[in-house]
Amino acid sequence: MFAAALKPHNLTPAWAEALNVLDEREPLTIRELGLLLVCEGEHPSRLVNRMVNAGLLTTEPSPDDERARWIRLTPRARNLLPALREIEDQLHNVIEATVDPANLQACRAVLEGFIDSLPAGETLKRRAHTPVRHS
């Protein structure tokens, strides 16, 4: 459902996640972005290269480390953010409509317990403890 809704915008779930993380925390290096992504599939440097080629990201030398590059959203990516938020809101509404409100907390606790033991759980914890910043 999420992937299908993203397709008309030429986005994948991994790209959408990268846009969200960068919107909240840019600039990031490829390494920093990789540590904050839950999505699996392609290496963060490949993900960034594809998104740069699609006109969604820019890279520039890091002033702190000559080996690193800062990653930032382009205006094109920023223009996609409202549509991305709308798609996410629709997904959340479907989930909330599907799960009985009385069971929502229990459902969340079960899912959190399951995810905590996976690499994605560690990533979500890391993301929760990484400051949101804008430059």
C-alpha atoms as a PDB file:
ATOM      1  CA  MET A   1       0.000   0.000   0.000  1.00  0.00           C
ATOM      2  CA  PHE A   2       2.741   2.475   0.989  1.00  0.00           C
ATOM      3  CA  ALA A   3       4.978   1.538  -1.953  1.00  0.00           C
ATOM      4  CA  ALA A   4       2.046   1.767  -4.373  1.00  0.00           C
ATOM      5  CA  ALA A   5       1.142   5.250  -3.117  1.00  0.00           C
ATOM      6  CA  LEU A   6       4.762   6.401  -3.504  1.00  0.00           C
ATOM      7  CA  LYS A   7       5.157   5.037  -7.040  1.00  0.00           C
ATOM      8  CA  PRO A   8       3.441   7.961  -8.871  1.00  0.00           C
ATOM      9  CA  HIS A   9       6.002  10.251  -7.215  1.00  0.00           C
ATOM     10  CA  ASN A  10       8.876   8.013  -8.395  1.00  0.00           C
ATOM     11  CA  LEU A  11       9.760   7.209  -4.783  1.00  0.00           C
ATOM     12  CA  THR A  12      10.438   3.917  -3.045  1.00  0.00           C
ATOM     13  CA  PRO A  13       9.894   3.317   0.680  1.00  0.00           C
ATOM     14  CA  ALA A  14      13.686   3.503   1.174  1.00  0.00           C
ATOM     15  CA  TRP A  15      13.858   6.833  -0.652  1.00  0.00           C
ATOM     16  CA  ALA A  16      10.903   8.164   1.351  1.00  0.00           C
ATOM     17  CA  GLU A  17      12.619   7.194   4.587  1.00  0.00           C
ATOM     18  CA  ALA A  18      15.852   8.896   3.506  1.00  0.00           C
ATOM     19  CA  LEU A  19      13.921  12.071   2.632  1.00  0.00           C
ATOM     20  CA  ASN A  20      12.249  12.068   6.049  1.00  0.00           C
ATOM     21  CA  VAL A  21      15.498  11.524   7.947  1.00  0.00           C
ATOM     22  CA  LEU A  22      17.283  14.241   5.977  1.00  0.00           C
ATOM     23  CA  ASP A  23      14.366  16.651   6.330  1.00  0.00           C
ATOM     24  CA  GLU A  24      14.687  16.381  10.106  1.00  0.00           C
ATOM     25  CA  ARG A  25      18.473  16.195  10.419  1.00  0.00           C
ATOM     26  CA  GLU A  26      20.319  17.487   7.358  1.00  0.00           C
ATOM     27  CA  PRO A  27      23.098  17.845   6.623  1.00  0.00           C
ATOM     28  CA  LEU A  28      24.267  14.291   7.251  1.00  0.00           C
ATOM     29  CA  THR A  29      27.159  12.259   5.935  1.00  0.00           C
ATOM     30  CA  ILE A  30      26.472   8.972   4.154  1.00  0.00           C
ATOM     31  CA  ARG A  31      27.648   7.137   7.263  1.00  0.00           C
ATOM     32  CA  GLU A  32      25.335   9.153   9.543  1.00  0.00           C
ATOM     33  CA  LEU A  33      22.398   8.627   7.191  1.00  0.00           C
ATOM     34  CA  GLY A  34      23.091   4.888   7.018  1.00  0.00           C
ATOM     35  CA  LEU A  35      23.040   4.648  10.818  1.00  0.00           C
ATOM     36  CA  LEU A  36      19.578   6.249  10.893  1.00  0.00           C
ATOM     37  CA  LEU A  37      17.884   4.238   8.127  1.00  0.00           C
ATOM     38  CA  VAL A  38      15.705   1.248   8.945  1.00  0.00           C
ATOM     39  CA  CYS A  39      15.191   0.257   5.318  1.00  0.00           C
ATOM     40  CA  GLU A  40      17.304  -2.559   4.032  1.00  0.00           C
ATOM     41  CA  GLY A  41      18.173  -3.480   0.518  1.00  0.00           C
ATOM     42  CA  GLU A  42      20.781  -1.170  -0.860  1.00  0.00           C
ATOM     43  CA  HIS A  43      23.921   0.218   0.702  1.00  0.00           C
ATOM     44  CA  PRO A  44      23.532   3.852   1.826  1.00  0.00           C
ATOM     45  CA  SER A  45      26.118   5.095  -0.690  1.00  0.00           C
ATOM     46  CA  ARG A  46      24.200   3.445  -3.563  1.00  0.00           C
ATOM     47  CA  LEU A  47      20.944   4.871  -2.221  1.00  0.00           C
ATOM     48  CA  VAL A  48      22.451   8.367  -2.057  1.00  0.00           C
ATOM     49  CA  ASN A  49      23.997   8.074  -5.545  1.00  0.00           C
ATOM     50  CA  ARG A  50      20.661   7.058  -7.053  1.00  0.00           C
ATOM     51  CA  MET A  51      18.857   9.872  -5.267  1.00  0.00           C
ATOM     52  CA  VAL A  52      21.501  12.383  -6.424  1.00  0.00           C
ATOM     53  CA  ASN A  53      21.050  11.117 -10.005  1.00  0.00           C
ATOM     54  CA  ALA A  54      17.276  11.549  -9.607  1.00  0.00           C
ATOM     55  CA  GLY A  55      17.769  15.174  -8.543  1.00  0.00           C
ATOM     56  CA  LEU A  56      16.593  14.642  -4.955  1.00  0.00           C
ATOM     57  CA  LEU A  57      19.879  15.080  -3.076  1.00  0.00           C
ATOM     58  CA  THR A  58      23.055  17.101  -3.345  1.00  0.00           C
ATOM     59  CA  THR A  59      26.438  16.338  -1.858  1.00  0.00           C
ATOM     60  CA  GLU A  60      29.194  18.723  -0.856  1.00  0.00           C
ATOM     61  CA  PRO A  61      32.507  18.341   0.947  1.00  0.00           C
ATOM     62  CA  SER A  62      32.232  18.242   4.723  1.00  0.00           C
ATOM     63  CA  PRO A  63      34.056  21.097   6.430  1.00  0.00           C
ATOM     64  CA  ASP A  64      34.859  18.720   9.308  1.00  0.00           C
ATOM     65  CA  ASP A  65      36.273  15.724   7.421  1.00  0.00           C
ATOM     66  CA  GLU A  66      37.849  15.880   3.973  1.00  0.00           C
ATOM     67  CA  ARG A  67      36.856  12.243   3.321  1.00  0.00           C
ATOM     68  CA  ALA A  68      33.165  12.836   4.081  1.00  0.00           C
ATOM     69  CA  ARG A  69      30.449  14.592   2.112  1.00  0.00           C
ATOM     70  CA  TRP A  70      27.375  16.351   3.443  1.00  0.00           C
ATOM     71  CA  ILE A  71      24.067  15.220   1.970  1.00  0.00           C
ATOM     72  CA  ARG A  72      21.223  17.706   1.592  1.00  0.00           C
ATOM     73  CA  LEU A  73      17.753  17.731   0.069  1.00  0.00           C
ATOM     74  CA  THR A  74      17.248  19.580  -3.211  1.00  0.00           C
ATOM     75  CA  PRO A  75      14.304  21.926  -3.822  1.00  0.00           C
ATOM     76  CA  ARG A  76      12.751  19.108  -5.879  1.00  0.00           C
ATOM     77  CA  ALA A  77      12.894  16.798  -2.846  1.00  0.00           C
ATOM     78  CA  ARG A  78      11.447  19.514  -0.601  1.00  0.00           C
ATOM     79  CA  ASN A  79       8.546  19.900  -3.031  1.00  0.00           C
ATOM     80  CA  LEU A  80       7.774  16.180  -2.599  1.00  0.00           C
ATOM     81  CA  LEU A  81       7.607  16.365   1.207  1.00  0.00           C
ATOM     82  CA  PRO A  82       3.942  17.513   1.461  1.00  0.00           C
ATOM     83  CA  ALA A  83       2.814  14.611  -0.763  1.00  0.00           C
ATOM     84  CA  LEU A  84       4.956  12.227   1.276  1.00  0.00           C
ATOM     85  CA  ARG A  85       3.379  13.486   4.522  1.00  0.00           C
ATOM     86  CA  GLU A  86      -0.089  13.018   3.031  1.00  0.00           C
ATOM     87  CA  ILE A  87       0.711   9.425   2.004  1.00  0.00           C
ATOM     88  CA  GLU A  88       2.059   8.669   5.484  1.00  0.00           C
ATOM     89  CA  ASP A  89      -1.027  10.233   7.106  1.00  0.00           C
ATOM     90  CA  GLN A  90      -3.295   8.089   4.922  1.00  0.00           C
ATOM     91  CA  LEU A  91      -1.366   4.967   5.924  1.00  0.00           C
ATOM     92  CA  HIS A  92      -1.626   5.865   9.614  1.00  0.00           C
ATOM     93  CA  ASN A  93      -5.368   6.486   9.208  1.00  0.00           C
ATOM     94  CA  VAL A  94      -5.855   3.052   7.622  1.00  0.00           C
ATOM     95  CA  ILE A  95      -3.912   1.402  10.446  1.00  0.00           C
ATOM     96  CA  GLU A  96      -5.884   3.280  13.104  1.00  0.00           C
ATOM     97  CA  ALA A  97      -9.178   2.398  11.400  1.00  0.00           C
ATOM     98  CA  THR A  98      -8.178  -1.271  11.219  1.00  0.00           C
ATOM     99  CA  VAL A  99      -7.027  -1.717  14.819  1.00  0.00           C
ATOM    100  CA  ASP A 100      -9.585  -1.453  17.601  1.00  0.00           C
ATOM    101  CA  PRO A 101      -8.580   1.564  19.747  1.00  0.00           C
ATOM    102  CA  ALA A 102      -8.894  -0.593  22.863  1.00  0.00           C
ATOM    103  CA  ASN A 103      -6.208  -2.903  21.458  1.00  0.00           C
ATOM    104  CA  LEU A 104      -3.935  -0.233  19.985  1.00  0.00           C
ATOM    105  CA  GLN A 105      -1.589   0.007  22.992  1.00  0.00           C
ATOM    106  CA  ALA A 106      -1.310  -3.773  23.288  1.00  0.00           C
ATOM    107  CA  CYS A 107      -0.648  -4.064  19.552  1.00  0.00           C
ATOM    108  CA  ARG A 108       2.027  -1.389  19.781  1.00  0.00           C
ATOM    109  CA  ALA A 109       3.687  -3.099  22.768  1.00  0.00           C
ATOM    110  CA  VAL A 110       3.814  -6.441  20.931  1.00  0.00           C
ATOM    111  CA  LEU A 111       5.309  -4.834  17.814  1.00  0.00           C
ATOM    112  CA  GLU A 112       7.862  -2.849  19.853  1.00  0.00           C
ATOM    113  CA  GLY A 113       8.914  -6.025  21.671  1.00  0.00           C
ATOM    114  CA  PHE A 114       9.350  -7.794  18.350  1.00  0.00           C
ATOM    115  CA  ILE A 115      11.271  -4.957  16.684  1.00  0.00           C
ATOM    116  CA  ASP A 116      13.532  -4.331  19.687  1.00  0.00           C
ATOM    117  CA  SER A 117      15.336  -7.604  18.968  1.00  0.00           C
ATOM    118  CA  LEU A 118      15.986  -6.718  15.318  1.00  0.00           C
ATOM    119  CA  PRO A 119      18.558  -4.380  13.741  1.00  0.00           C
ATOM    120  CA  ALA A 120      15.653  -2.074  12.844  1.00  0.00           C
ATOM    121  CA  GLY A 121      14.902  -1.674  16.545  1.00  0.00           C
ATOM    122  CA  GLU A 122      18.450  -0.532  17.232  1.00  0.00           C
ATOM    123  CA  THR A 123      18.201   1.935  14.362  1.00  0.00           C
ATOM    124  CA  LEU A 124      14.933   3.362  15.678  1.00  0.00           C
ATOM    125  CA  LYS A 125      16.486   3.808  19.131  1.00  0.00           C
ATOM    126  CA  ARG A 126      19.502   5.525  17.571  1.00  0.00           C
ATOM    127  CA  ARG A 127      17.207   7.800  15.561  1.00  0.00           C
ATOM    128  CA  ALA A 128      15.206   8.696  18.677  1.00  0.00           C
ATOM    129  CA  HIS A 129      18.405   9.760  20.428  1.00  0.00           C
ATOM    130  CA  THR A 130      19.945  11.658  17.502  1.00  0.00           C
ATOM    131  CA  PRO A 131      19.228  15.372  17.695  1.00  0.00           C
ATOM    132  CA  VAL A 132      17.058  16.909  15.027  1.00  0.00           C
ATOM    133  CA  ARG A 133      18.952  19.724  13.375  1.00  0.00           C
ATOM    134  CA  HIS A 134      18.557  22.079  10.485  1.00  0.00           C
ATOM    135  CA  SER A 135      21.317  24.129   8.940  1.00  0.00           C
END
